[in-house]
C-alpha atoms as a PDB file:
ATOM      1  CA  MET A   1      45.785  17.051  38.738  1.00  0.00           C
ATOM      2  CA  SER A   2      43.526  14.979  36.238  1.00  0.00           C
ATOM      3  CA  LYS A   3      42.130  16.781  33.145  1.00  0.00           C
ATOM      4  CA  PRO A   4      38.006  16.519  33.433  1.00  0.00           C
ATOM      5  CA  VAL A   5      36.236  14.113  31.252  1.00  0.00           C
ATOM      6  CA  VAL A   6      34.658  16.352  28.504  1.00  0.00           C
ATOM      7  CA  PRO A   7      31.407  14.111  27.494  1.00  0.00           C
ATOM      8  CA  PHE A   8      31.079  13.059  24.369  1.00  0.00           C
ATOM      9  CA  ARG A   9      28.178  14.613  22.499  1.00  0.00           C
ATOM     10  CA  ALA A  10      25.895  13.328  19.184  1.00  0.00           C
ATOM     11  CA  GLY A  11      23.612  14.674  17.342  1.00  0.00           C
ATOM     12  CA  TYR A  12      21.202  16.108  14.086  1.00  0.00           C
ATOM     13  CA  ILE A  13      21.326  19.098  12.967  1.00  0.00           C
ATOM     14  CA  ALA A  14      19.368  20.446  10.118  1.00  0.00           C
ATOM     15  CA  ILE A  15      20.708  23.155   7.433  1.00  0.00           C
ATOM     16  CA  VAL A  16      17.687  25.219   6.560  1.00  0.00           C
ATOM     17  CA  GLY A  17      17.192  28.430   4.566  1.00  0.00           C
ATOM     18  CA  ARG A  18      15.780  30.028   1.525  1.00  0.00           C
ATOM     19  CA  PRO A  19      17.067  29.000  -1.730  1.00  0.00           C
ATOM     20  CA  ASN A  20      20.668  29.974  -2.946  1.00  0.00           C
ATOM     21  CA  VAL A  21      22.013  31.048   0.663  1.00  0.00           C
ATOM     22  CA  GLY A  22      24.740  28.349   0.446  1.00  0.00           C
ATOM     23  CA  LYS A  23      22.961  25.479   2.691  1.00  0.00           C
ATOM     24  CA  SER A  24      24.677  22.886   0.049  1.00  0.00           C
ATOM     25  CA  THR A  25      28.329  24.599   0.180  1.00  0.00           C
ATOM     26  CA  LEU A  26      28.273  24.683   3.986  1.00  0.00           C
ATOM     27  CA  LEU A  27      27.522  20.876   4.642  1.00  0.00           C
ATOM     28  CA  ASN A  28      30.304  19.633   1.990  1.00  0.00           C
ATOM     29  CA  ARG A  29      32.875  22.078   4.275  1.00  0.00           C
ATOM     30  CA  LEU A  30      31.917  21.123   7.324  1.00  0.00           C
ATOM     31  CA  VAL A  31      31.979  17.484   6.344  1.00  0.00           C
ATOM     32  CA  GLY A  32      34.995  18.038   4.390  1.00  0.00           C
ATOM     33  CA  GLN A  33      33.552  15.692   1.305  1.00  0.00           C
ATOM     34  CA  LYS A  34      31.428  17.137  -1.777  1.00  0.00           C
ATOM     35  CA  LEU A  35      28.280  15.276  -0.886  1.00  0.00           C
ATOM     36  CA  SER A  36      25.471  17.746  -1.488  1.00  0.00           C
ATOM     37  CA  ILE A  37      25.346  19.038  -4.838  1.00  0.00           C
ATOM     38  CA  THR A  38      25.789  22.980  -5.662  1.00  0.00           C
ATOM     39  CA  SER A  39      24.782  25.384  -8.378  1.00  0.00           C
ATOM     40  CA  ARG A  40      23.850  28.627  -8.853  1.00  0.00           C
ATOM     41  CA  LYS A  41      20.324  27.620  -9.561  1.00  0.00           C
ATOM     42  CA  PRO A  42      17.937  27.884  -6.377  1.00  0.00           C
ATOM     43  CA  GLN A  43      16.115  24.654  -5.001  1.00  0.00           C
ATOM     44  CA  THR A  44      19.231  22.663  -6.438  1.00  0.00           C
ATOM     45  CA  THR A  45      19.109  20.250  -3.744  1.00  0.00           C
ATOM     46  CA  ARG A  46      15.412  18.127  -3.432  1.00  0.00           C
ATOM     47  CA  GLN A  47      15.636  15.671  -0.584  1.00  0.00           C
ATOM     48  CA  ARG A  48      17.568  15.458   2.730  1.00  0.00           C
ATOM     49  CA  ILE A  49      21.119  14.614   2.566  1.00  0.00           C
ATOM     50  CA  THR A  50      23.006  13.726   5.681  1.00  0.00           C
ATOM     51  CA  GLY A  51      26.806  14.464   5.787  1.00  0.00           C
ATOM     52  CA  ILE A  52      28.737  13.052   9.106  1.00  0.00           C
ATOM     53  CA  LEU A  53      31.475  14.761  11.116  1.00  0.00           C
ATOM     54  CA  THR A  54      33.027  12.981  13.875  1.00  0.00           C
ATOM     55  CA  ARG A  55      35.126  15.150  15.986  1.00  0.00           C
ATOM     56  CA  ASP A  56      37.318  14.339  19.168  1.00  0.00           C
ATOM     57  CA  ASP A  57      34.261  15.217  21.337  1.00  0.00           C
ATOM     58  CA  ALA A  58      31.577  14.902  19.255  1.00  0.00           C
ATOM     59  CA  GLN A  59      29.429  13.235  16.103  1.00  0.00           C
ATOM     60  CA  LEU A  60      27.453  15.986  14.052  1.00  0.00           C
ATOM     61  CA  MET A  61      25.392  14.454  11.383  1.00  0.00           C
ATOM     62  CA  PHE A  62      24.172  17.535   9.213  1.00  0.00           C
ATOM     63  CA  VAL A  63      20.980  17.380   7.334  1.00  0.00           C
ATOM     64  CA  ASP A  64      21.354  19.257   4.055  1.00  0.00           C
ATOM     65  CA  THR A  65      17.583  20.028   3.252  1.00  0.00           C
ATOM     66  CA  PRO A  66      16.145  22.259   0.177  1.00  0.00           C
ATOM     67  CA  GLY A  67      15.015  25.605   0.181  1.00  0.00           C
ATOM     68  CA  PHE A  68      11.812  26.039   1.856  1.00  0.00           C
ATOM     69  CA  GLN A  69       9.434  26.889  -1.599  1.00  0.00           C
ATOM     70  CA  THR A  70       6.821  29.528  -1.075  1.00  0.00           C
ATOM     71  CA  ARG A  71       5.674  30.656  -4.447  1.00  0.00           C
ATOM     72  CA  HIS A  72       5.645  27.209  -6.221  1.00  0.00           C
ATOM     73  CA  THR A  73       3.175  24.350  -5.839  1.00  0.00           C
ATOM     74  CA  SER A  74       3.938  21.056  -7.879  1.00  0.00           C
ATOM     75  CA  ALA A  75       4.060  18.042  -6.602  1.00  0.00           C
ATOM     76  CA  LEU A  76       7.857  18.310  -6.404  1.00  0.00           C
ATOM     77  CA  ASN A  77       7.837  21.078  -4.546  1.00  0.00           C
ATOM     78  CA  ARG A  78       5.162  19.838  -1.879  1.00  0.00           C
ATOM     79  CA  HIS A  79       7.391  17.066  -1.780  1.00  0.00           C
ATOM     80  CA  MET A  80      10.282  19.520  -1.472  1.00  0.00           C
ATOM     81  CA  ASN A  81       8.191  21.915   1.612  1.00  0.00           C
ATOM     82  CA  ARG A  82       7.552  18.437   3.433  1.00  0.00           C
ATOM     83  CA  THR A  83      11.073  17.423   3.585  1.00  0.00           C
ATOM     84  CA  VAL A  84      11.791  20.585   5.390  1.00  0.00           C
ATOM     85  CA  THR A  85       9.497  20.560   7.799  1.00  0.00           C
ATOM     86  CA  GLN A  86       9.999  16.675   8.961  1.00  0.00           C
ATOM     87  CA  ALA A  87      13.868  17.446   9.091  1.00  0.00           C
ATOM     88  CA  LEU A  88      12.872  20.725  11.438  1.00  0.00           C
ATOM     89  CA  ASN A  89      11.069  17.844  13.835  1.00  0.00           C
ATOM     90  CA  ASP A  90      13.465  15.539  13.334  1.00  0.00           C
ATOM     91  CA  VAL A  91      16.754  17.409  14.628  1.00  0.00           C
ATOM     92  CA  ASP A  92      18.630  18.199  18.046  1.00  0.00           C
ATOM     93  CA  VAL A  93      19.950  21.330  16.265  1.00  0.00           C
ATOM     94  CA  ILE A  94      18.892  23.561  13.389  1.00  0.00           C
ATOM     95  CA  VAL A  95      21.104  26.027  11.864  1.00  0.00           C
ATOM     96  CA  LEU A  96      19.327  28.731   9.943  1.00  0.00           C
ATOM     97  CA  VAL A  97      21.510  30.145   7.278  1.00  0.00           C
ATOM     98  CA  VAL A  98      20.877  33.332   5.825  1.00  0.00           C
ATOM     99  CA  GLU A  99      23.411  35.792   3.266  1.00  0.00           C
ATOM    100  CA  ALA A 100      25.401  38.452   4.892  1.00  0.00           C
ATOM    101  CA  GLY A 101      23.913  41.582   4.313  1.00  0.00           C
ATOM    102  CA  ARG A 102      20.314  40.530   3.167  1.00  0.00           C
ATOM    103  CA  PHE A 103      17.379  39.347   5.199  1.00  0.00           C
ATOM    104  CA  SER A 104      14.695  39.285   3.146  1.00  0.00           C
ATOM    105  CA  ALA A 105      11.061  38.145   3.108  1.00  0.00           C
ATOM    106  CA  GLU A 106      11.601  34.643   2.147  1.00  0.00           C
ATOM    107  CA  ASP A 107      14.245  34.413   4.946  1.00  0.00           C
ATOM    108  CA  ARG A 108      11.605  36.226   7.450  1.00  0.00           C
ATOM    109  CA  ALA A 109       9.051  33.492   6.112  1.00  0.00           C
ATOM    110  CA  LEU A 110      11.249  30.693   7.866  1.00  0.00           C
ATOM    111  CA  LEU A 111      11.076  31.961  11.429  1.00  0.00           C
ATOM    112  CA  PRO A 112       7.342  30.726  12.102  1.00  0.00           C
ATOM    113  CA  LEU A 113       8.204  27.577  10.666  1.00  0.00           C
ATOM    114  CA  LEU A 114      10.991  26.696  13.086  1.00  0.00           C
ATOM    115  CA  PRO A 115       9.795  24.647  15.833  1.00  0.00           C
ATOM    116  CA  ALA A 116       8.685  26.183  19.107  1.00  0.00           C
ATOM    117  CA  GLY A 117      11.293  25.775  21.873  1.00  0.00           C
ATOM    118  CA  SER A 118      14.442  24.079  19.222  1.00  0.00           C
ATOM    119  CA  LYS A 119      17.770  25.429  19.320  1.00  0.00           C
ATOM    120  CA  VAL A 120      18.101  27.708  16.713  1.00  0.00           C
ATOM    121  CA  LEU A 121      22.098  28.872  15.615  1.00  0.00           C
ATOM    122  CA  LEU A 122      21.746  31.686  13.152  1.00  0.00           C
ATOM    123  CA  VAL A 123      24.641  31.515  10.609  1.00  0.00           C
ATOM    124  CA  ILE A 124      25.560  34.364   8.544  1.00  0.00           C
ATOM    125  CA  ASN A 125      27.208  33.157   5.563  1.00  0.00           C
ATOM    126  CA  LYS A 126      28.779  34.676   2.371  1.00  0.00           C
ATOM    127  CA  ILE A 127      30.410  37.343   5.064  1.00  0.00           C
ATOM    128  CA  ASP A 128      33.685  37.306   2.098  1.00  0.00           C
ATOM    129  CA  ARG A 129      31.433  39.203  -0.277  1.00  0.00           C
ATOM    130  CA  LEU A 130      30.456  41.960   2.137  1.00  0.00           C
ATOM    131  CA  ALA A 131      31.906  45.080   0.441  1.00  0.00           C
ATOM    132  CA  ASP A 132      32.827  46.562   4.249  1.00  0.00           C
ATOM    133  CA  ARG A 133      32.968  44.281   7.135  1.00  0.00           C
ATOM    134  CA  ALA A 134      32.297  47.376   9.411  1.00  0.00           C
ATOM    135  CA  LEU A 135      28.551  46.234   7.773  1.00  0.00           C
ATOM    136  CA  LEU A 136      28.264  42.904   9.399  1.00  0.00           C
ATOM    137  CA  LEU A 137      27.586  43.693  13.352  1.00  0.00           C
ATOM    138  CA  PRO A 138      24.523  46.232  12.183  1.00  0.00           C
ATOM    139  CA  PHE A 139      23.396  43.462  10.015  1.00  0.00           C
ATOM    140  CA  ILE A 140      24.032  40.780  13.262  1.00  0.00           C
ATOM    141  CA  THR A 141      21.799  43.786  15.217  1.00  0.00           C
ATOM    142  CA  GLN A 142      19.210  43.487  12.782  1.00  0.00           C
ATOM    143  CA  VAL A 143      18.464  39.950  12.533  1.00  0.00           C
ATOM    144  CA  SER A 144      18.824  39.441  16.311  1.00  0.00           C
ATOM    145  CA  ALA A 145      15.836  41.355  16.594  1.00  0.00           C
ATOM    146  CA  GLU A 146      13.632  38.899  14.273  1.00  0.00           C
ATOM    147  CA  ARG A 147      13.961  36.496  17.109  1.00  0.00           C
ATOM    148  CA  GLU A 148      16.043  34.883  20.089  1.00  0.00           C
ATOM    149  CA  PHE A 149      19.340  32.619  18.693  1.00  0.00           C
ATOM    150  CA  ALA A 150      20.764  30.541  20.546  1.00  0.00           C
ATOM    151  CA  GLU A 151      24.112  31.631  18.856  1.00  0.00           C
ATOM    152  CA  ILE A 152      25.241  33.894  15.868  1.00  0.00           C
ATOM    153  CA  VAL A 153      27.769  32.539  13.718  1.00  0.00           C
ATOM    154  CA  PRO A 154      29.522  34.545  11.142  1.00  0.00           C
ATOM    155  CA  VAL A 155      31.104  32.459   8.293  1.00  0.00           C
ATOM    156  CA  SER A 156      32.226  31.790   4.433  1.00  0.00           C
ATOM    157  CA  ALA A 157      31.318  28.358   3.437  1.00  0.00           C
ATOM    158  CA  SER A 158      33.138  28.710  -0.183  1.00  0.00           C
ATOM    159  CA  LYS A 159      35.980  29.993   1.907  1.00  0.00           C
ATOM    160  CA  GLY A 160      36.248  27.837   5.225  1.00  0.00           C
ATOM    161  CA  HIS A 161      36.393  30.863   7.365  1.00  0.00           C
ATOM    162  CA  GLY A 162      34.591  30.222  10.347  1.00  0.00           C
ATOM    163  CA  VAL A 163      33.304  26.581   9.708  1.00  0.00           C
ATOM    164  CA  ASP A 164      35.625  25.067  12.425  1.00  0.00           C
ATOM    165  CA  GLU A 165      34.263  27.490  15.110  1.00  0.00           C
ATOM    166  CA  LEU A 166      30.624  26.867  13.706  1.00  0.00           C
ATOM    167  CA  ALA A 167      30.980  22.814  14.498  1.00  0.00           C
ATOM    168  CA  ARG A 168      32.696  23.773  18.005  1.00  0.00           C
ATOM    169  CA  THR A 169      29.499  25.778  18.786  1.00  0.00           C
ATOM    170  CA  ILE A 170      26.867  23.460  17.653  1.00  0.00           C
ATOM    171  CA  SER A 171      28.648  20.499  19.308  1.00  0.00           C
ATOM    172  CA  ARG A 172      27.607  21.961  22.828  1.00  0.00           C
ATOM    173  CA  TYR A 173      24.232  22.043  22.037  1.00  0.00           C
ATOM    174  CA  LEU A 174      23.964  17.919  21.174  1.00  0.00           C
ATOM    175  CA  PRO A 175      22.420  15.611  23.716  1.00  0.00           C
ATOM    176  CA  GLU A 176      25.480  13.722  25.467  1.00  0.00           C
ATOM    177  CA  GLN A 177      25.295  10.295  24.067  1.00  0.00           C
ATOM    178  CA  PRO A 178      27.750   7.735  22.042  1.00  0.00           C
ATOM    179  CA  ALA A 179      28.589   7.875  18.487  1.00  0.00           C
ATOM    180  CA  LEU A 180      25.859   6.961  15.944  1.00  0.00           C
ATOM    181  CA  TYR A 181      28.145   5.873  13.573  1.00  0.00           C
ATOM    182  CA  GLY A 182      31.924   4.863  12.996  1.00  0.00           C
ATOM    183  CA  ALA A 183      34.384   7.248  12.871  1.00  0.00           C
ATOM    184  CA  ASP A 184      35.061   7.007   8.774  1.00  0.00           C
ATOM    185  CA  GLU A 185      31.207   7.140   7.543  1.00  0.00           C
ATOM    186  CA  ILE A 186      30.625  10.461   6.333  1.00  0.00           C
ATOM    187  CA  THR A 187      26.895   9.758   4.893  1.00  0.00           C
ATOM    188  CA  GLU A 188      23.899   7.930   5.257  1.00  0.00           C
ATOM    189  CA  SER A 189      22.982   8.634   1.520  1.00  0.00           C
ATOM    190  CA  SER A 190      23.173   5.619  -0.568  1.00  0.00           C
ATOM    191  CA  GLU A 191      25.990   5.317  -3.259  1.00  0.00           C
ATOM    192  CA  ARG A 192      23.050   4.761  -5.939  1.00  0.00           C
ATOM    193  CA  PHE A 193      21.397   8.136  -4.336  1.00  0.00           C
ATOM    194  CA  LEU A 194      24.741  10.196  -4.579  1.00  0.00           C
ATOM    195  CA  ALA A 195      25.564   8.864  -8.387  1.00  0.00           C
ATOM    196  CA  ALA A 196      21.910  10.429  -9.188  1.00  0.00           C
ATOM    197  CA  GLU A 197      22.793  13.318  -7.515  1.00  0.00           C
ATOM    198  CA  MET A 198      26.563  13.963  -9.301  1.00  0.00           C
ATOM    199  CA  ILE A 199      24.341  13.661 -12.660  1.00  0.00           C
ATOM    200  CA  ARG A 200      21.575  16.150 -11.835  1.00  0.00           C
ATOM    201  CA  GLU A 201      24.230  18.810 -10.526  1.00  0.00           C
ATOM    202  CA  LYS A 202      26.300  18.838 -13.966  1.00  0.00           C
ATOM    203  CA  LEU A 203      22.662  19.311 -15.673  1.00  0.00           C
ATOM    204  CA  PHE A 204      22.277  22.510 -13.499  1.00  0.00           C
ATOM    205  CA  ARG A 205      26.140  23.353 -14.222  1.00  0.00           C
ATOM    206  CA  LEU A 206      26.957  22.701 -17.601  1.00  0.00           C
ATOM    207  CA  LEU A 207      23.248  23.787 -19.080  1.00  0.00           C
ATOM    208  CA  GLY A 208      22.757  27.063 -17.187  1.00  0.00           C
ATOM    209  CA  ASP A 209      19.650  28.438 -17.947  1.00  0.00           C
ATOM    210  CA  GLU A 210      19.187  26.618 -20.971  1.00  0.00           C
ATOM    211  CA  LEU A 211      17.542  23.998 -19.400  1.00  0.00           C
ATOM    212  CA  PRO A 212      14.259  24.393 -17.260  1.00  0.00           C
ATOM    213  CA  TYR A 213      14.334  23.138 -13.372  1.00  0.00           C
ATOM    214  CA  ALA A 214      12.065  20.055 -14.650  1.00  0.00           C
ATOM    215  CA  SER A 215      14.799  17.361 -15.050  1.00  0.00           C
ATOM    216  CA  ALA A 216      15.607  14.797 -13.154  1.00  0.00           C
ATOM    217  CA  VAL A 217      17.860  11.519 -12.999  1.00  0.00           C
ATOM    218  CA  ILE A 218      16.833   7.866 -12.284  1.00  0.00           C
ATOM    219  CA  ILE A 219      19.674   4.963 -11.974  1.00  0.00           C
ATOM    220  CA  ASP A 220      18.508   2.223 -13.573  1.00  0.00           C
ATOM    221  CA  LYS A 221      21.645  -0.094 -13.066  1.00  0.00           C
ATOM    222  CA  PHE A 222      24.359   0.091  -9.986  1.00  0.00           C
ATOM    223  CA  ALA A 223      26.578  -2.702  -9.960  1.00  0.00           C
ATOM    224  CA  LEU A 224      29.702  -3.367  -8.393  1.00  0.00           C
ATOM    225  CA  GLU A 225      32.009  -5.804 -10.490  1.00  0.00           C
ATOM    226  CA  GLY A 226      35.364  -5.957  -8.279  1.00  0.00           C
ATOM    227  CA  THR A 227      35.655  -2.284  -7.251  1.00  0.00           C
ATOM    228  CA  MET A 228      34.308  -0.813 -10.491  1.00  0.00           C
ATOM    229  CA  ARG A 229      30.928   0.782 -10.306  1.00  0.00           C
ATOM    230  CA  ARG A 230      28.347   0.297 -13.441  1.00  0.00           C
ATOM    231  CA  ILE A 231      26.147   2.705 -13.632  1.00  0.00           C
ATOM    232  CA  HIS A 232      23.433   3.441 -16.114  1.00  0.00           C
ATOM    233  CA  ALA A 233      21.448   6.513 -15.674  1.00  0.00           C
ATOM    234  CA  SER A 234      18.338   8.172 -17.693  1.00  0.00           C
ATOM    235  CA  ILE A 235      18.065  11.792 -17.602  1.00  0.00           C
ATOM    236  CA  ILE A 236      14.476  12.422 -17.090  1.00  0.00           C
ATOM    237  CA  VAL A 237      12.887  15.753 -19.307  1.00  0.00           C
ATOM    238  CA  ASP A 238       9.770  17.356 -19.801  1.00  0.00           C
ATOM    239  CA  LYS A 239       9.822  18.003 -23.500  1.00  0.00           C
ATOM    240  CA  ASP A 240      11.673  16.820 -26.918  1.00  0.00           C
ATOM    241  CA  THR A 241      13.489  19.777 -26.789  1.00  0.00           C
ATOM    242  CA  HIS A 242      14.947  19.840 -23.587  1.00  0.00           C
ATOM    243  CA  LYS A 243      15.914  16.454 -24.977  1.00  0.00           C
ATOM    244  CA  GLY A 244      17.727  18.248 -27.454  1.00  0.00           C
ATOM    245  CA  ILE A 245      19.372  20.602 -25.482  1.00  0.00           C
ATOM    246  CA  VAL A 246      20.717  17.892 -22.922  1.00  0.00           C
ATOM    247  CA  VAL A 247      22.149  15.700 -25.722  1.00  0.00           C
ATOM    248  CA  GLY A 248      23.479  18.858 -27.698  1.00  0.00           C
ATOM    249  CA  ALA A 249      25.320  18.760 -30.948  1.00  0.00           C
ATOM    250  CA  LYS A 250      26.617  14.927 -31.814  1.00  0.00           C
ATOM    251  CA  GLY A 251      25.588  14.175 -28.327  1.00  0.00           C
ATOM    252  CA  ALA A 252      28.648  16.400 -26.978  1.00  0.00           C
ATOM    253  CA  GLN A 253      26.361  17.762 -24.257  1.00  0.00           C
ATOM    254  CA  LEU A 254      25.571  14.482 -22.562  1.00  0.00           C
ATOM    255  CA  LYS A 255      28.838  13.276 -23.040  1.00  0.00           C
ATOM    256  CA  ALA A 256      30.462  16.015 -21.312  1.00  0.00           C
ATOM    257  CA  ILE A 257      28.006  15.768 -18.471  1.00  0.00           C
ATOM    258  CA  GLY A 258      28.892  11.786 -18.142  1.00  0.00           C
ATOM    259  CA  THR A 259      32.520  12.816 -17.993  1.00  0.00           C
ATOM    260  CA  LYS A 260      32.329  15.175 -15.108  1.00  0.00           C
ATOM    261  CA  ALA A 261      29.682  13.400 -13.371  1.00  0.00           C
ATOM    262  CA  ARG A 262      31.704  10.073 -13.720  1.00  0.00           C
ATOM    263  CA  LEU A 263      35.398  11.821 -12.656  1.00  0.00           C
ATOM    264  CA  ASP A 264      33.411  13.273  -9.301  1.00  0.00           C
ATOM    265  CA  MET A 265      31.552   9.864  -8.567  1.00  0.00           C
ATOM    266  CA  GLU A 266      35.195   7.944  -9.025  1.00  0.00           C
ATOM    267  CA  LYS A 267      36.499  10.794  -6.466  1.00  0.00           C
ATOM    268  CA  LEU A 268      33.843  10.341  -3.939  1.00  0.00           C
ATOM    269  CA  PHE A 269      33.810   6.329  -4.361  1.00  0.00           C
ATOM    270  CA  GLY A 270      37.311   5.946  -4.762  1.00  0.00           C
ATOM    271  CA  SER A 271      37.224   3.208  -7.493  1.00  0.00           C
ATOM    272  CA  LYS A 272      36.710   3.527 -11.547  1.00  0.00           C
ATOM    273  CA  VAL A 273      33.200   4.051 -12.713  1.00  0.00           C
ATOM    274  CA  HIS A 274      31.863   3.147 -15.885  1.00  0.00           C
ATOM    275  CA  LEU A 275      28.910   5.290 -16.555  1.00  0.00           C
ATOM    276  CA  GLU A 276      26.659   4.875 -19.295  1.00  0.00           C
ATOM    277  CA  LEU A 277      23.602   8.040 -19.674  1.00  0.00           C
ATOM    278  CA  TRP A 278      20.057   8.087 -21.321  1.00  0.00           C
ATOM    279  CA  VAL A 279      17.669  10.762 -22.108  1.00  0.00           C
ATOM    280  CA  LYS A 280      14.016  10.213 -22.120  1.00  0.00           C
ATOM    281  CA  VAL A 281      11.169  12.387 -22.070  1.00  0.00           C
ATOM    282  CA  LYS A 282       8.351  12.149 -19.673  1.00  0.00           C
ATOM    283  CA  ARG A 283       6.072  15.199 -20.028  1.00  0.00           C
ATOM    284  CA  GLY A 284       4.136  16.330 -16.546  1.00  0.00           C
ATOM    285  CA  TRP A 285       6.801  14.003 -14.265  1.00  0.00           C
ATOM    286  CA  ALA A 286       6.826  16.823 -11.495  1.00  0.00           C
ATOM    287  CA  GLU A 287       3.261  16.160 -11.030  1.00  0.00           C
ATOM    288  CA  ASN A 288       2.935  12.314 -11.760  1.00  0.00           C
ATOM    289  CA  GLN A 289       3.201  10.624  -8.859  1.00  0.00           C
ATOM    290  CA  GLN A 290       4.153   7.545 -10.205  1.00  0.00           C
ATOM    291  CA  VAL A 291       6.856   9.075 -11.674  1.00  0.00           C
ATOM    292  CA  MET A 292       7.898  10.877  -8.624  1.00  0.00           C
ATOM    293  CA  LYS A 293       7.738   7.688  -6.413  1.00  0.00           C
ATOM    294  CA  GLN A 294      10.401   6.203  -9.162  1.00  0.00           C
ATOM    295  CA  LEU A 295      12.613   9.083  -8.529  1.00  0.00           C
ATOM    296  CA  GLY A 296      12.504   8.648  -4.832  1.00  0.00           C
ATOM    297  CA  TYR A 297      10.139  11.890  -4.266  1.00  0.00           C
ATOM    298  CA  GLY A 298       6.714   9.765  -3.315  1.00  0.00           C
END
């Protein structure tokens, strides 16, 4: 007797949640490649980033979104909120990520924003950080009372626990249709965009709380010379004092940022990268529509 034919499914999945619940880490783990930048700082992700996972029976296009911002209203944060709202209306499945053992007012505020009738899977992340695994079931019961979820899947994105099960579960809710991308494609994002993100991540990771949130990266030049990428980029900051922080004593901090970003790019692009960085002061850039448009946030 022949085996029944399993229909192939493909679709888009929005990964949403309050800042710092591990959305970007989850996307990277699902795709098996570092596409979305991560740091301890909230609101690291500013634009939607799509990671593609192709399985034997399905192709999953994950959209990593900024954490929805309810407390700050700069032009940048309004852009990020629009990005989240648009993503929710453009996808087949929504994955709402919460932190194990913690369901806050910020988490609850997201629930009314989920489109009526949408397929919502609840992912409880960071289960490895629970002091007692016996606390997980009561927490699931607590969050289940907030709204009806199609599925609830506990995971640890950082450790990889439960991530394969999550991919299988999501696949069941996608529409039956052929793959939309080649099996070897892992993202819709351009290399130019990914390069800027790699640099911005190093700003957050190396400077910690020294550098305020108001920093961004513009790619001034991205040229392919044989197999080598030649990249010139400007780091945009809000004040002269911020420039000093980024450059560091005798340029040491800027050199470290460039070296670490270049190594990540070479790993992602699979080729040598020549990277040059400059630091520029543009006061009030997060409220300047012209600068925002240049940064791709317009």
